[in-house]
Amino acid sequence: MTAIIVEGLTKRVRDADGMLTILDAASFEVPRGSTTAVVGASGSGKSTLLGLLAGLDLPSDGQVTAFGQRLFELDEDGRAAWRAANVGFVFQTFQLLPQMTALENVMLPLELAGDRQAGSAARTLLGRVGLADRASHYPRTLSGGEQQRVALARAFAGRPPLLFADEPTGSLDAATGERIVELMFELNRDAGATLVLVTHDAALAARCDRRIVLKAGRIDALA
């Protein structure tokens, strides 16, 4: 079955020289439960594509259909509600809320979804990523690898069917990054989620089922 259908997805912005095409007529499908890496040089349109797939940005042309929902037929509030119900995110810069403890950061999406067992579920997830003893710590007191593990726990907290990761190991040293990758794939297998990640890491991309290679905003290869 197909999780995501992308049809003629294009993004143009105006700059000093006129219109700049960041993404040019991208079309592809992402199978449900698969892992897909989006790769390419800096400026090739990878993060733009990821933002469009998540409905965080609007295209100039084209459509994304995710789990049967045509994203750009929804208004901004509708897309936000769709993301809350269906999407988990892992970012290079972790994006943890500094005023919240590790436990509270993981609890947040569960509480927003109305889960009355948010506390116990979040503690279980922190234990799963090896941070049960760091639950009461604030992000500033955690190492980069620990912060990314909290971010992973938060991303998977609501068991979303779709996970987006933008350079998830980009801020980490090689050894820590490898541990995060192992944990991310383990959690993804257990959840049966569809994973789409942006990366410059060839080894990480090679671990995915499929690769989408972008070059100057166009799909150069699908493998």
Protein backbone atom coordinates (compact mmCIF):
# COMPACT_ATOMS: atom_id res chain seq x y z
CA MET A 1 0.00 0.00 0.00
CA THR A 2 1.06 3.60 -0.56
CA ALA A 3 1.57 6.07 2.27
CA ILE A 4 2.43 9.19 0.26
CA ILE A 5 1.72 10.17 -3.34
CA VAL A 6 3.58 13.22 -4.67
CA GLU A 7 2.37 14.73 -7.94
CA GLY A 8 4.20 17.51 -9.78
CA LEU A 9 5.35 19.15 -6.57
CA THR A 10 6.95 22.53 -7.31
CA LYS A 11 8.13 25.36 -5.10
CA ARG A 12 9.16 28.76 -6.45
CA VAL A 13 10.17 31.86 -4.51
CA ARG A 14 10.98 35.37 -5.63
CA ASP A 15 14.52 36.65 -5.16
CA ALA A 16 16.47 39.67 -6.40
CA ASP A 17 16.81 38.15 -9.87
CA GLY A 18 13.19 37.09 -10.26
CA MET A 19 11.61 33.71 -9.59
CA LEU A 20 13.82 30.96 -8.19
CA THR A 21 12.68 27.32 -8.52
CA ILE A 22 13.67 25.41 -5.40
CA LEU A 23 11.76 22.22 -6.23
CA ASP A 24 10.76 21.36 -9.78
CA ALA A 25 7.86 19.02 -10.59
CA ALA A 26 8.75 16.20 -8.20
CA SER A 27 6.58 13.09 -8.53
CA PHE A 28 7.00 9.83 -6.63
CA GLU A 29 5.30 7.46 -4.19
CA VAL A 30 6.36 6.25 -0.75
CA PRO A 31 5.19 2.74 0.21
CA ARG A 32 3.54 2.34 3.58
CA GLY A 33 5.92 1.08 6.26
CA SER A 34 9.02 1.83 4.16
CA THR A 35 12.11 3.87 4.96
CA THR A 36 13.10 6.52 2.41
CA ALA A 37 16.18 8.75 2.35
CA VAL A 38 16.16 12.09 0.52
CA VAL A 39 19.73 12.92 -0.47
CA GLY A 40 21.54 15.57 -2.50
CA ALA A 41 23.94 18.48 -2.20
CA SER A 42 23.20 21.48 -0.01
CA GLY A 43 20.64 23.67 -1.75
CA SER A 44 19.20 20.82 -3.80
CA GLY A 45 15.74 21.18 -2.25
CA LYS A 46 15.78 18.39 0.35
CA SER A 47 14.45 20.32 3.34
CA THR A 48 11.95 22.14 1.13
CA LEU A 49 10.61 18.79 -0.03
CA LEU A 50 10.35 17.52 3.54
CA GLY A 51 8.46 20.64 4.63
CA LEU A 52 6.00 20.20 1.76
CA LEU A 53 5.49 16.51 2.52
CA ALA A 54 4.55 17.47 6.06
CA GLY A 55 2.26 20.28 4.95
CA LEU A 56 4.42 22.83 6.76
CA ASP A 57 4.80 24.83 3.55
CA LEU A 58 2.58 25.40 0.52
CA PRO A 59 3.71 24.48 -3.01
CA SER A 60 3.56 26.70 -6.05
CA ASP A 61 2.11 23.73 -7.93
CA GLY A 62 1.38 20.08 -7.29
CA GLN A 63 -0.18 17.98 -4.58
CA VAL A 64 0.77 15.64 -1.74
CA THR A 65 -1.66 12.90 -0.75
CA ALA A 66 -0.75 11.24 2.55
CA PHE A 67 -2.79 8.30 3.83
CA GLY A 68 -5.59 9.35 1.50
CA GLN A 69 -5.66 13.01 2.54
CA ARG A 70 -4.85 15.66 -0.10
CA LEU A 71 -2.86 18.02 2.13
CA PHE A 72 -3.26 21.22 0.18
CA GLU A 73 -7.02 20.96 0.13
CA LEU A 74 -6.82 21.63 3.89
CA ASP A 75 -6.40 25.10 5.38
CA GLU A 76 -3.55 25.85 7.79
CA ASP A 77 -5.51 24.71 10.85
CA GLY A 78 -6.59 21.56 9.04
CA ARG A 79 -3.02 20.69 8.12
CA ALA A 80 -1.91 21.31 11.71
CA ALA A 81 -4.61 18.97 13.00
CA TRP A 82 -3.63 16.37 10.41
CA ARG A 83 0.03 16.57 11.49
CA ALA A 84 -0.90 16.25 15.16
CA ALA A 85 -2.76 13.02 14.41
CA ASN A 86 -0.37 11.48 11.89
CA VAL A 87 3.17 12.86 12.02
CA GLY A 88 6.23 12.69 14.25
CA PHE A 89 9.30 14.87 13.69
CA VAL A 90 12.99 14.47 14.48
CA PHE A 91 15.16 17.54 13.82
CA GLN A 92 18.92 18.08 13.65
CA THR A 93 18.66 20.72 16.40
CA PHE A 94 16.38 18.56 18.60
CA GLN A 95 13.73 21.30 19.08
CA LEU A 96 13.10 20.43 22.72
CA LEU A 97 11.29 23.00 24.84
CA PRO A 98 13.97 24.30 27.25
CA GLN A 99 11.53 25.12 30.07
CA MET A 100 10.27 21.52 30.18
CA THR A 101 11.97 18.44 31.58
CA ALA A 102 12.73 15.43 29.39
CA LEU A 103 9.57 13.78 30.69
CA GLU A 104 7.42 16.84 30.02
CA ASN A 105 8.79 17.16 26.49
CA VAL A 106 7.77 13.57 25.72
CA MET A 107 4.42 13.98 27.46
CA LEU A 108 3.48 17.07 25.46
CA PRO A 109 2.16 15.44 22.24
CA LEU A 110 0.32 12.84 24.32
CA GLU A 111 -1.33 15.50 26.46
CA LEU A 112 -2.32 17.48 23.37
CA ALA A 113 -3.95 14.32 22.05
CA GLY A 114 -5.91 13.96 25.29
CA ASP A 115 -4.08 10.87 26.56
CA ARG A 116 -4.88 10.51 30.26
CA GLN A 117 -1.96 8.11 30.66
CA ALA A 118 0.56 10.56 29.17
CA GLY A 119 2.88 10.44 32.17
CA SER A 120 3.24 6.68 32.33
CA ALA A 121 3.48 6.36 28.54
CA ALA A 122 6.21 9.00 28.42
CA ARG A 123 8.17 7.30 31.21
CA THR A 124 7.99 4.02 29.31
CA LEU A 125 9.34 5.68 26.18
CA LEU A 126 12.17 7.37 28.05
CA GLY A 127 13.08 3.99 29.47
CA ARG A 128 12.99 2.58 25.97
CA VAL A 129 15.62 5.11 24.82
CA GLY A 130 17.73 4.55 27.94
CA LEU A 131 16.86 7.77 29.76
CA ALA A 132 14.61 6.62 32.59
CA ASP A 133 17.02 8.16 35.11
CA ARG A 134 17.09 11.51 33.25
CA ALA A 135 13.33 12.13 33.17
CA SER A 136 13.47 15.15 35.49
CA HIS A 137 16.42 16.79 33.73
CA TYR A 138 16.06 19.88 31.55
CA PRO A 139 17.50 19.90 28.01
CA ARG A 140 20.40 22.20 29.00
CA THR A 141 21.69 19.52 31.37
CA LEU A 142 21.59 16.75 28.74
CA SER A 143 24.25 15.90 26.18
CA GLY A 144 23.48 16.22 22.47
CA GLY A 145 22.94 12.49 22.16
CA GLU A 146 20.62 12.47 25.17
CA GLN A 147 18.63 15.38 23.77
CA GLN A 148 18.20 13.55 20.47
CA ARG A 149 17.03 10.45 22.33
CA VAL A 150 14.40 12.56 24.09
CA ALA A 151 13.42 13.95 20.68
CA LEU A 152 13.06 10.41 19.33
CA ALA A 153 10.88 9.40 22.28
CA ARG A 154 8.71 12.47 21.69
CA ALA A 155 8.45 11.76 17.95
CA PHE A 156 7.21 8.23 18.56
CA ALA A 157 5.06 9.10 21.59
CA GLY A 158 1.75 9.13 19.77
CA ARG A 159 2.69 6.17 17.57
CA PRO A 160 2.27 8.28 14.42
CA PRO A 161 2.03 6.40 11.12
CA LEU A 162 4.46 8.85 9.49
CA LEU A 163 7.84 10.03 10.76
CA PHE A 164 9.92 12.81 9.21
CA ALA A 165 13.59 13.26 10.18
CA ASP A 166 15.70 16.22 8.99
CA GLU A 167 19.43 15.46 9.35
CA PRO A 168 18.78 13.58 12.63
CA THR A 169 22.49 12.95 13.27
CA GLY A 170 23.86 16.21 11.86
CA SER A 171 24.64 17.74 15.28
CA LEU A 172 26.18 14.59 16.75
CA ASP A 173 29.60 12.97 16.66
CA ALA A 174 29.95 9.81 14.59
CA ALA A 175 29.69 7.30 17.46
CA THR A 176 26.68 9.01 19.05
CA GLY A 177 25.06 9.44 15.65
CA GLU A 178 25.35 5.72 14.95
CA ARG A 179 23.64 4.88 18.25
CA ILE A 180 20.83 7.32 17.43
CA VAL A 181 20.40 5.75 13.98
CA GLU A 182 20.16 2.26 15.47
CA LEU A 183 17.57 3.46 17.97
CA MET A 184 15.55 5.33 15.35
CA PHE A 185 15.33 2.30 13.06
CA GLU A 186 14.50 0.02 15.99
CA LEU A 187 11.67 2.26 17.15
CA ASN A 188 10.44 2.64 13.58
CA ARG A 189 10.37 -1.13 13.01
CA ASP A 190 8.43 -1.66 16.22
CA ALA A 191 5.93 1.08 15.38
CA GLY A 192 5.52 0.02 11.74
CA ALA A 193 5.74 3.68 10.74
CA THR A 194 6.66 5.12 7.36
CA LEU A 195 9.98 6.96 7.72
CA VAL A 196 11.19 9.72 5.38
CA LEU A 197 14.52 11.30 6.28
CA VAL A 198 16.81 13.95 4.83
CA THR A 199 20.50 13.24 5.21
CA HIS A 200 23.98 13.97 3.87
CA ASP A 201 25.17 10.71 5.44
CA ALA A 202 25.66 8.09 2.70
CA ALA A 203 25.82 5.26 5.23
CA LEU A 204 22.51 6.32 6.77
CA ALA A 205 20.88 6.64 3.34
CA ALA A 206 22.12 3.17 2.39
CA ARG A 207 20.23 1.68 5.33
CA CYS A 208 16.90 2.90 3.95
CA ASP A 209 14.71 0.87 1.62
CA ARG A 210 14.69 3.62 -1.00
CA ARG A 211 16.62 6.76 -1.97
CA ILE A 212 15.38 9.91 -3.66
CA VAL A 213 18.30 11.86 -5.12
CA LEU A 214 17.71 15.58 -5.69
CA LYS A 215 19.88 17.73 -7.93
CA ALA A 216 19.16 21.45 -8.32
CA GLY A 217 15.56 20.93 -7.27
CA ARG A 218 14.80 18.04 -9.60
CA ILE A 219 14.67 14.33 -8.91
CA ASP A 220 17.88 12.97 -10.39
CA ALA A 221 17.33 9.35 -9.37
CA LEU A 222 14.93 7.06 -7.54
CA ALA A 223 16.51 3.91 -6.17
